Amino acid sequence: MASRQGSWDGYDPAPIEIQTGDVGNLSDIMRVMDRAFPKTYGEGWNHHQCRSMLSMPSAKLIIAKMNNIVCGFVISRQAADEEELLMIAVCPDHQRQGVGHHLLEHMLLTARNDDVSAVFLEMRADNPAAKLYAEFGFYKIGLRKDYYTGPSKEKFDAITYKTMFTD
């Protein structure tokens, strides 16, 4: 896994390009999905699930590119003044380079511009992404006991998070 580096160590990563996507990006996001989510917990979606979600009028897709290659994405959906972050994924070889941070930042900015007042998400309790979400003001509001099953049949809770926009 690559580590986050600055230009001070002689490494200058490619710029991250963030843009709106659509169902036409399905093959790119499935490539990222397959690499980003181990089959272990059943968190990744299949082609049909992604196509169905992206076909909904309330669904939003934001993609990240480095060197013109899709390396991450966010899928969310809006209902009234609330938005749910359904999926965020970054290819393992692009993790810890700011891609997830840029995606989440853009998603939240777009939500705010769309008059969203609160954003929700749910994730496995031991997911290290909790640190990223905390940076953006997400806090725990709920728990689903034993929601995920691990590789050795151990159970993991799902935690629901929320962030709100204040003016």
N, C-alpha and C. Protein backbone atom coordinates (compact mmCIF):
# COMPACT_ATOMS: atom_id res chain seq x y z
N MET A 1 0.84 -1.16 0.00
CA MET A 1 0.00 0.00 0.00
C MET A 1 0.90 1.24 0.00
N ALA A 2 0.55 2.17 -0.84
CA ALA A 2 1.33 3.39 -0.92
C ALA A 2 1.09 4.25 0.30
N SER A 3 2.09 5.00 0.69
CA SER A 3 1.90 5.89 1.81
C SER A 3 1.77 7.32 1.29
N ARG A 4 1.10 8.13 2.06
CA ARG A 4 0.92 9.52 1.67
C ARG A 4 2.26 10.22 1.81
N GLN A 5 2.67 10.85 0.74
CA GLN A 5 3.95 11.53 0.74
C GLN A 5 3.75 12.96 0.25
N GLY A 6 4.66 13.81 0.62
CA GLY A 6 4.62 15.18 0.16
C GLY A 6 5.73 15.42 -0.84
N SER A 7 5.68 16.57 -1.49
CA SER A 7 6.70 16.88 -2.49
C SER A 7 8.08 16.98 -1.86
N TRP A 8 8.13 17.15 -0.51
CA TRP A 8 9.41 17.24 0.16
C TRP A 8 10.21 15.96 0.10
N ASP A 9 9.56 14.79 -0.17
CA ASP A 9 10.37 13.58 -0.26
C ASP A 9 10.63 13.18 -1.70
N GLY A 10 10.54 14.13 -2.60
CA GLY A 10 10.87 13.86 -3.99
C GLY A 10 9.77 13.15 -4.74
N TYR A 11 8.60 13.00 -4.15
CA TYR A 11 7.50 12.30 -4.78
C TYR A 11 6.39 13.30 -5.02
N ASP A 12 5.99 13.46 -6.25
CA ASP A 12 4.92 14.39 -6.58
C ASP A 12 3.80 13.60 -7.24
N PRO A 13 2.77 13.23 -6.45
CA PRO A 13 1.69 12.40 -7.00
C PRO A 13 0.92 13.13 -8.10
N ALA A 14 0.31 12.35 -8.96
CA ALA A 14 -0.52 12.92 -10.02
C ALA A 14 -1.68 13.66 -9.38
N PRO A 15 -2.13 14.73 -10.02
CA PRO A 15 -3.29 15.45 -9.47
C PRO A 15 -4.54 14.56 -9.50
N ILE A 16 -5.41 14.81 -8.55
CA ILE A 16 -6.67 14.07 -8.45
C ILE A 16 -7.75 14.90 -9.13
N GLU A 17 -8.39 14.32 -10.11
CA GLU A 17 -9.47 14.99 -10.84
C GLU A 17 -10.80 14.42 -10.35
N ILE A 18 -11.69 15.27 -9.88
CA ILE A 18 -12.99 14.85 -9.38
C ILE A 18 -14.06 15.33 -10.36
N GLN A 19 -14.97 14.43 -10.73
CA GLN A 19 -16.03 14.79 -11.66
C GLN A 19 -17.29 13.97 -11.40
N THR A 20 -18.39 14.47 -11.93
CA THR A 20 -19.66 13.76 -11.83
C THR A 20 -19.64 12.61 -12.83
N GLY A 21 -20.16 11.47 -12.40
CA GLY A 21 -20.26 10.31 -13.27
C GLY A 21 -21.70 9.91 -13.49
N ASP A 22 -21.88 8.85 -14.26
CA ASP A 22 -23.21 8.31 -14.52
C ASP A 22 -23.09 6.83 -14.83
N VAL A 23 -24.18 6.21 -15.22
CA VAL A 23 -24.19 4.77 -15.47
C VAL A 23 -23.18 4.37 -16.55
N GLY A 24 -22.77 5.31 -17.38
CA GLY A 24 -21.75 5.05 -18.39
C GLY A 24 -20.39 4.75 -17.79
N ASN A 25 -20.18 5.08 -16.52
CA ASN A 25 -18.93 4.79 -15.83
C ASN A 25 -18.97 3.46 -15.08
N LEU A 26 -20.01 2.67 -15.32
CA LEU A 26 -20.23 1.44 -14.56
C LEU A 26 -19.04 0.48 -14.62
N SER A 27 -18.46 0.26 -15.78
CA SER A 27 -17.34 -0.69 -15.85
C SER A 27 -16.13 -0.18 -15.05
N ASP A 28 -15.90 1.12 -15.05
CA ASP A 28 -14.80 1.68 -14.27
C ASP A 28 -15.04 1.53 -12.78
N ILE A 29 -16.27 1.81 -12.33
CA ILE A 29 -16.50 1.71 -10.89
C ILE A 29 -16.54 0.26 -10.43
N MET A 30 -16.95 -0.65 -11.31
CA MET A 30 -16.92 -2.07 -10.93
C MET A 30 -15.47 -2.56 -10.79
N ARG A 31 -14.58 -2.05 -11.62
CA ARG A 31 -13.15 -2.39 -11.52
C ARG A 31 -12.61 -1.92 -10.17
N VAL A 32 -12.97 -0.69 -9.78
CA VAL A 32 -12.54 -0.17 -8.48
C VAL A 32 -13.18 -0.98 -7.35
N MET A 33 -14.48 -1.24 -7.47
CA MET A 33 -15.22 -1.98 -6.44
C MET A 33 -14.57 -3.34 -6.20
N ASP A 34 -14.27 -4.06 -7.26
CA ASP A 34 -13.70 -5.40 -7.13
C ASP A 34 -12.35 -5.38 -6.44
N ARG A 35 -11.60 -4.31 -6.61
CA ARG A 35 -10.28 -4.22 -5.99
C ARG A 35 -10.34 -3.65 -4.57
N ALA A 36 -11.30 -2.77 -4.32
CA ALA A 36 -11.34 -2.05 -3.05
C ALA A 36 -12.01 -2.83 -1.92
N PHE A 37 -12.95 -3.70 -2.27
CA PHE A 37 -13.70 -4.41 -1.24
C PHE A 37 -13.41 -5.89 -1.29
N PRO A 38 -12.77 -6.42 -0.25
CA PRO A 38 -12.57 -7.87 -0.22
C PRO A 38 -13.92 -8.56 -0.12
N LYS A 39 -14.04 -9.72 -0.68
CA LYS A 39 -15.30 -10.48 -0.67
C LYS A 39 -15.66 -10.92 0.76
N THR A 40 -14.69 -10.84 1.65
CA THR A 40 -14.82 -11.33 3.02
C THR A 40 -16.09 -10.90 3.73
N TYR A 41 -16.44 -9.63 3.66
CA TYR A 41 -17.56 -9.11 4.44
C TYR A 41 -18.83 -8.89 3.62
N GLY A 42 -18.75 -9.05 2.34
CA GLY A 42 -19.91 -8.84 1.48
C GLY A 42 -20.33 -7.38 1.37
N GLU A 43 -19.37 -6.46 1.49
CA GLU A 43 -19.69 -5.03 1.45
C GLU A 43 -19.78 -4.50 0.02
N GLY A 44 -19.04 -5.09 -0.90
CA GLY A 44 -19.07 -4.62 -2.28
C GLY A 44 -20.37 -4.98 -2.96
N TRP A 45 -20.71 -4.22 -3.97
CA TRP A 45 -21.92 -4.47 -4.73
C TRP A 45 -21.57 -5.17 -6.03
N ASN A 46 -22.56 -5.85 -6.61
CA ASN A 46 -22.34 -6.46 -7.92
C ASN A 46 -22.80 -5.50 -9.01
N HIS A 47 -22.58 -5.90 -10.25
CA HIS A 47 -22.89 -5.06 -11.42
C HIS A 47 -24.36 -4.67 -11.43
N HIS A 48 -25.24 -5.62 -11.18
CA HIS A 48 -26.68 -5.36 -11.20
C HIS A 48 -27.08 -4.35 -10.11
N GLN A 49 -26.54 -4.50 -8.90
CA GLN A 49 -26.86 -3.58 -7.82
C GLN A 49 -26.42 -2.15 -8.15
N CYS A 50 -25.23 -2.03 -8.71
CA CYS A 50 -24.72 -0.70 -9.08
C CYS A 50 -25.56 -0.08 -10.19
N ARG A 51 -25.85 -0.85 -11.22
CA ARG A 51 -26.66 -0.34 -12.33
C ARG A 51 -28.04 0.10 -11.84
N SER A 52 -28.66 -0.70 -10.99
CA SER A 52 -29.98 -0.36 -10.45
C SER A 52 -29.93 0.94 -9.66
N MET A 53 -28.93 1.07 -8.79
CA MET A 53 -28.83 2.29 -7.98
C MET A 53 -28.57 3.51 -8.86
N LEU A 54 -27.65 3.39 -9.80
CA LEU A 54 -27.30 4.54 -10.64
C LEU A 54 -28.41 4.92 -11.60
N SER A 55 -29.37 4.03 -11.80
CA SER A 55 -30.52 4.33 -12.66
C SER A 55 -31.61 5.11 -11.93
N MET A 56 -31.49 5.20 -10.62
CA MET A 56 -32.49 5.93 -9.84
C MET A 56 -32.25 7.44 -9.98
N PRO A 57 -33.32 8.22 -10.12
CA PRO A 57 -33.15 9.66 -10.29
C PRO A 57 -32.47 10.35 -9.10
N SER A 58 -32.60 9.80 -7.91
CA SER A 58 -32.01 10.43 -6.72
C SER A 58 -30.54 10.06 -6.51
N ALA A 59 -30.02 9.14 -7.31
CA ALA A 59 -28.64 8.67 -7.13
C ALA A 59 -27.64 9.65 -7.72
N LYS A 60 -26.49 9.71 -7.06
CA LYS A 60 -25.39 10.57 -7.50
C LYS A 60 -24.12 9.73 -7.54
N LEU A 61 -23.32 9.95 -8.56
CA LEU A 61 -22.02 9.28 -8.68
C LEU A 61 -20.96 10.34 -8.88
N ILE A 62 -19.94 10.28 -8.06
CA ILE A 62 -18.77 11.16 -8.20
C ILE A 62 -17.58 10.24 -8.37
N ILE A 63 -16.76 10.53 -9.37
CA ILE A 63 -15.59 9.70 -9.63
C ILE A 63 -14.31 10.51 -9.47
N ALA A 64 -13.26 9.80 -9.09
CA ALA A 64 -11.92 10.39 -8.98
C ALA A 64 -11.03 9.74 -10.02
N LYS A 65 -10.24 10.56 -10.69
CA LYS A 65 -9.28 10.06 -11.67
C LYS A 65 -7.88 10.55 -11.34
N MET A 66 -6.92 9.69 -11.56
CA MET A 66 -5.51 10.06 -11.52
C MET A 66 -4.91 9.53 -12.81
N ASN A 67 -4.18 10.37 -13.52
CA ASN A 67 -3.62 9.98 -14.82
C ASN A 67 -4.71 9.46 -15.76
N ASN A 68 -5.88 10.10 -15.69
CA ASN A 68 -7.02 9.78 -16.56
C ASN A 68 -7.60 8.38 -16.34
N ILE A 69 -7.31 7.77 -15.20
CA ILE A 69 -7.84 6.45 -14.86
C ILE A 69 -8.70 6.60 -13.61
N VAL A 70 -9.91 6.04 -13.65
CA VAL A 70 -10.79 6.09 -12.49
C VAL A 70 -10.16 5.26 -11.37
N CYS A 71 -9.93 5.92 -10.23
CA CYS A 71 -9.28 5.26 -9.10
C CYS A 71 -10.14 5.27 -7.84
N GLY A 72 -11.32 5.91 -7.91
CA GLY A 72 -12.20 5.94 -6.77
C GLY A 72 -13.55 6.52 -7.15
N PHE A 73 -14.52 6.31 -6.26
CA PHE A 73 -15.86 6.83 -6.53
C PHE A 73 -16.67 6.93 -5.24
N VAL A 74 -17.73 7.71 -5.32
CA VAL A 74 -18.74 7.81 -4.26
C VAL A 74 -20.09 7.64 -4.93
N ILE A 75 -20.94 6.82 -4.31
CA ILE A 75 -22.34 6.72 -4.72
C ILE A 75 -23.17 7.17 -3.53
N SER A 76 -24.10 8.09 -3.78
CA SER A 76 -24.99 8.56 -2.73
C SER A 76 -26.38 8.74 -3.33
N ARG A 77 -27.34 8.99 -2.45
CA ARG A 77 -28.69 9.29 -2.92
C ARG A 77 -29.31 10.31 -1.98
N GLN A 78 -30.10 11.18 -2.59
CA GLN A 78 -30.74 12.25 -1.83
C GLN A 78 -32.24 12.00 -1.74
N ALA A 79 -32.78 12.25 -0.56
CA ALA A 79 -34.22 12.21 -0.33
C ALA A 79 -34.56 13.46 0.49
N ALA A 80 -35.36 14.33 -0.09
CA ALA A 80 -35.71 15.60 0.54
C ALA A 80 -34.42 16.35 0.89
N ASP A 81 -34.24 16.72 2.16
CA ASP A 81 -33.04 17.47 2.53
C ASP A 81 -31.99 16.60 3.22
N GLU A 82 -32.06 15.28 3.00
CA GLU A 82 -31.07 14.37 3.56
C GLU A 82 -30.39 13.58 2.44
N GLU A 83 -29.15 13.21 2.68
CA GLU A 83 -28.41 12.40 1.71
C GLU A 83 -27.77 11.24 2.44
N GLU A 84 -27.72 10.11 1.76
CA GLU A 84 -27.07 8.92 2.30
C GLU A 84 -25.87 8.58 1.44
N LEU A 85 -24.71 8.52 2.07
CA LEU A 85 -23.51 8.07 1.39
C LEU A 85 -23.58 6.54 1.39
N LEU A 86 -23.81 5.96 0.24
CA LEU A 86 -24.02 4.52 0.13
C LEU A 86 -22.72 3.74 -0.03
N MET A 87 -21.78 4.35 -0.74
CA MET A 87 -20.56 3.61 -1.08
C MET A 87 -19.46 4.61 -1.40
N ILE A 88 -18.30 4.39 -0.82
CA ILE A 88 -17.10 5.12 -1.21
C ILE A 88 -16.00 4.08 -1.35
N ALA A 89 -15.27 4.15 -2.44
CA ALA A 89 -14.23 3.15 -2.70
C ALA A 89 -13.05 3.80 -3.40
N VAL A 90 -11.85 3.36 -3.03
CA VAL A 90 -10.61 3.81 -3.67
C VAL A 90 -9.77 2.57 -3.93
N CYS A 91 -9.23 2.47 -5.14
CA CYS A 91 -8.33 1.35 -5.48
C CYS A 91 -7.20 1.28 -4.46
N PRO A 92 -6.83 0.10 -4.02
CA PRO A 92 -5.77 -0.03 -3.02
C PRO A 92 -4.47 0.68 -3.39
N ASP A 93 -4.08 0.67 -4.67
CA ASP A 93 -2.83 1.33 -5.04
C ASP A 93 -2.93 2.85 -5.08
N HIS A 94 -4.12 3.39 -4.84
CA HIS A 94 -4.30 4.85 -4.77
C HIS A 94 -4.74 5.30 -3.38
N GLN A 95 -4.83 4.39 -2.45
CA GLN A 95 -5.22 4.75 -1.09
C GLN A 95 -4.08 5.49 -0.40
N ARG A 96 -4.45 6.30 0.58
CA ARG A 96 -3.51 7.11 1.37
C ARG A 96 -2.80 8.15 0.51
N GLN A 97 -3.49 8.58 -0.57
CA GLN A 97 -2.96 9.65 -1.43
C GLN A 97 -3.95 10.81 -1.51
N GLY A 98 -4.97 10.81 -0.67
CA GLY A 98 -5.92 11.90 -0.63
C GLY A 98 -7.14 11.71 -1.51
N VAL A 99 -7.25 10.59 -2.20
CA VAL A 99 -8.38 10.37 -3.11
C VAL A 99 -9.69 10.31 -2.33
N GLY A 100 -9.75 9.52 -1.28
CA GLY A 100 -10.97 9.41 -0.48
C GLY A 100 -11.35 10.75 0.14
N HIS A 101 -10.37 11.48 0.61
CA HIS A 101 -10.60 12.80 1.20
C HIS A 101 -11.23 13.74 0.16
N HIS A 102 -10.66 13.78 -1.04
CA HIS A 102 -11.19 14.63 -2.10
C HIS A 102 -12.60 14.22 -2.50
N LEU A 103 -12.83 12.92 -2.60
CA LEU A 103 -14.17 12.44 -2.97
C LEU A 103 -15.21 12.85 -1.92
N LEU A 104 -14.90 12.61 -0.66
CA LEU A 104 -15.83 12.93 0.40
C LEU A 104 -16.07 14.44 0.48
N GLU A 105 -15.02 15.20 0.36
CA GLU A 105 -15.13 16.66 0.39
C GLU A 105 -16.04 17.16 -0.73
N HIS A 106 -15.85 16.63 -1.93
CA HIS A 106 -16.66 17.03 -3.08
C HIS A 106 -18.12 16.59 -2.90
N MET A 107 -18.31 15.38 -2.40
CA MET A 107 -19.67 14.87 -2.18
C MET A 107 -20.42 15.76 -1.19
N LEU A 108 -19.75 16.14 -0.09
CA LEU A 108 -20.38 16.98 0.92
C LEU A 108 -20.65 18.39 0.41
N LEU A 109 -19.74 18.93 -0.37
CA LEU A 109 -19.95 20.25 -0.96
C LEU A 109 -21.14 20.23 -1.92
N THR A 110 -21.22 19.19 -2.74
CA THR A 110 -22.35 19.04 -3.66
C THR A 110 -23.66 18.91 -2.89
N ALA A 111 -23.64 18.10 -1.82
CA ALA A 111 -24.85 17.92 -1.00
C ALA A 111 -25.30 19.25 -0.41
N ARG A 112 -24.36 19.98 0.11
CA ARG A 112 -24.70 21.30 0.69
C ARG A 112 -25.28 22.23 -0.37
N ASN A 113 -24.69 22.23 -1.55
CA ASN A 113 -25.20 23.06 -2.66
C ASN A 113 -26.58 22.62 -3.12
N ASP A 114 -26.92 21.35 -2.86
CA ASP A 114 -28.25 20.82 -3.21
C ASP A 114 -29.23 20.97 -2.05
N ASP A 115 -28.92 21.83 -1.10
CA ASP A 115 -29.78 22.13 0.06
C ASP A 115 -30.00 20.94 0.98
N VAL A 116 -29.00 20.06 1.07
CA VAL A 116 -29.04 18.95 2.02
C VAL A 116 -28.66 19.50 3.39
N SER A 117 -29.37 19.06 4.42
CA SER A 117 -29.04 19.52 5.77
C SER A 117 -28.26 18.48 6.58
N ALA A 118 -28.41 17.19 6.21
CA ALA A 118 -27.72 16.13 6.94
C ALA A 118 -27.33 15.01 5.98
N VAL A 119 -26.19 14.39 6.27
CA VAL A 119 -25.69 13.26 5.48
C VAL A 119 -25.48 12.10 6.44
N PHE A 120 -25.91 10.92 6.00
CA PHE A 120 -25.81 9.70 6.80
C PHE A 120 -24.95 8.67 6.07
N LEU A 121 -24.36 7.76 6.83
CA LEU A 121 -23.66 6.62 6.25
C LEU A 121 -23.66 5.51 7.27
N GLU A 122 -23.41 4.30 6.79
CA GLU A 122 -23.31 3.15 7.67
C GLU A 122 -22.10 2.34 7.23
N MET A 123 -21.35 1.82 8.22
CA MET A 123 -20.16 1.04 7.89
C MET A 123 -19.84 0.04 8.99
N ARG A 124 -18.99 -0.91 8.64
CA ARG A 124 -18.54 -1.93 9.59
C ARG A 124 -17.77 -1.25 10.73
N ALA A 125 -18.00 -1.69 11.94
CA ALA A 125 -17.44 -1.03 13.13
C ALA A 125 -15.92 -0.95 13.11
N ASP A 126 -15.23 -1.92 12.54
CA ASP A 126 -13.77 -1.90 12.57
C ASP A 126 -13.16 -1.29 11.30
N ASN A 127 -13.94 -0.56 10.53
CA ASN A 127 -13.47 0.04 9.29
C ASN A 127 -12.58 1.25 9.61
N PRO A 128 -11.33 1.27 9.12
CA PRO A 128 -10.43 2.38 9.42
C PRO A 128 -10.87 3.71 8.81
N ALA A 129 -11.86 3.71 7.92
CA ALA A 129 -12.36 4.95 7.32
C ALA A 129 -13.04 5.84 8.35
N ALA A 130 -13.33 5.32 9.54
CA ALA A 130 -13.97 6.13 10.58
C ALA A 130 -13.17 7.40 10.86
N LYS A 131 -11.87 7.31 10.77
CA LYS A 131 -11.01 8.48 11.00
C LYS A 131 -11.28 9.56 9.95
N LEU A 132 -11.42 9.16 8.70
CA LEU A 132 -11.72 10.11 7.62
C LEU A 132 -13.07 10.76 7.86
N TYR A 133 -14.06 9.97 8.20
CA TYR A 133 -15.40 10.52 8.42
C TYR A 133 -15.41 11.51 9.59
N ALA A 134 -14.66 11.21 10.64
CA ALA A 134 -14.60 12.11 11.79
C ALA A 134 -14.02 13.46 11.39
N GLU A 135 -13.06 13.46 10.47
CA GLU A 135 -12.47 14.72 9.99
C GLU A 135 -13.52 15.63 9.35
N PHE A 136 -14.59 15.04 8.84
CA PHE A 136 -15.65 15.80 8.19
C PHE A 136 -16.87 15.98 9.08
N GLY A 137 -16.72 15.74 10.37
CA GLY A 137 -17.78 16.01 11.32
C GLY A 137 -18.80 14.91 11.49
N PHE A 138 -18.57 13.74 10.95
CA PHE A 138 -19.50 12.63 11.16
C PHE A 138 -19.37 12.12 12.59
N TYR A 139 -20.50 11.78 13.18
CA TYR A 139 -20.52 11.24 14.53
C TYR A 139 -21.51 10.07 14.58
N LYS A 140 -21.27 9.16 15.52
CA LYS A 140 -22.09 7.95 15.64
C LYS A 140 -23.48 8.28 16.15
N ILE A 141 -24.49 7.68 15.48
CA ILE A 141 -25.87 7.87 15.94
C ILE A 141 -26.62 6.55 16.10
N GLY A 142 -26.04 5.46 15.63
CA GLY A 142 -26.76 4.19 15.72
C GLY A 142 -25.84 3.00 15.58
N LEU A 143 -26.39 1.83 15.91
CA LEU A 143 -25.62 0.59 15.89
C LEU A 143 -26.53 -0.56 15.46
N ARG A 144 -26.04 -1.38 14.56
CA ARG A 144 -26.72 -2.63 14.19
C ARG A 144 -25.80 -3.76 14.65
N LYS A 145 -26.20 -4.43 15.69
CA LYS A 145 -25.39 -5.51 16.26
C LYS A 145 -25.25 -6.66 15.26
N ASP A 146 -24.02 -7.17 15.15
CA ASP A 146 -23.72 -8.39 14.37
C ASP A 146 -24.24 -8.32 12.93
N TYR A 147 -24.13 -7.18 12.30
CA TYR A 147 -24.66 -6.98 10.95
C TYR A 147 -23.80 -7.67 9.88
N TYR A 148 -22.48 -7.60 10.05
CA TYR A 148 -21.55 -8.21 9.08
C TYR A 148 -20.98 -9.51 9.63
N THR A 149 -20.69 -10.44 8.71
CA THR A 149 -20.05 -11.70 9.08
C THR A 149 -18.67 -11.74 8.46
N GLY A 150 -17.66 -11.99 9.28
CA GLY A 150 -16.27 -12.02 8.82
C GLY A 150 -15.88 -13.37 8.24
N PRO A 151 -14.62 -13.49 7.84
CA PRO A 151 -14.13 -14.70 7.17
C PRO A 151 -14.19 -15.96 8.03
N SER A 152 -14.10 -15.80 9.33
CA SER A 152 -14.16 -16.96 10.24
C SER A 152 -15.50 -17.01 10.96
N LYS A 153 -16.52 -16.46 10.31
CA LYS A 153 -17.89 -16.42 10.84
C LYS A 153 -18.04 -15.52 12.07
N GLU A 154 -17.00 -14.72 12.39
CA GLU A 154 -17.16 -13.77 13.49
C GLU A 154 -18.09 -12.64 13.03
N LYS A 155 -18.74 -12.02 13.98
CA LYS A 155 -19.72 -10.98 13.68
C LYS A 155 -19.14 -9.60 13.97
N PHE A 156 -19.53 -8.64 13.14
CA PHE A 156 -19.12 -7.26 13.30
C PHE A 156 -20.35 -6.36 13.27
N ASP A 157 -20.34 -5.37 14.13
CA ASP A 157 -21.44 -4.42 14.16
C ASP A 157 -21.34 -3.45 12.99
N ALA A 158 -22.47 -2.89 12.61
CA ALA A 158 -22.52 -1.78 11.66
C ALA A 158 -22.85 -0.53 12.47
N ILE A 159 -22.15 0.54 12.18
CA ILE A 159 -22.37 1.80 12.88
C ILE A 159 -22.93 2.82 11.90
N THR A 160 -23.97 3.53 12.32
CA THR A 160 -24.55 4.60 11.52
C THR A 160 -23.95 5.93 11.99
N TYR A 161 -23.56 6.74 11.01
CA TYR A 161 -22.96 8.05 11.27
C TYR A 161 -23.79 9.13 10.62
N LYS A 162 -23.64 10.33 11.15
CA LYS A 162 -24.36 11.49 10.61
C LYS A 162 -23.47 12.71 10.69
N THR A 163 -23.62 13.61 9.74
CA THR A 163 -23.04 14.94 9.84
C THR A 163 -24.10 15.92 9.39
N MET A 164 -24.06 17.09 9.95
CA MET A 164 -25.04 18.13 9.61
C MET A 164 -24.31 19.39 9.16
N PHE A 165 -24.98 20.14 8.31
CA PHE A 165 -24.42 21.41 7.87
C PHE A 165 -25.00 22.53 8.72
N THR A 166 -24.15 23.37 9.22
CA THR A 166 -24.60 24.52 9.99
C THR A 166 -24.15 25.78 9.26
N ASP A 167 -24.97 26.77 9.30
CA ASP A 167 -24.61 28.02 8.60
C ASP A 167 -23.99 29.02 9.52
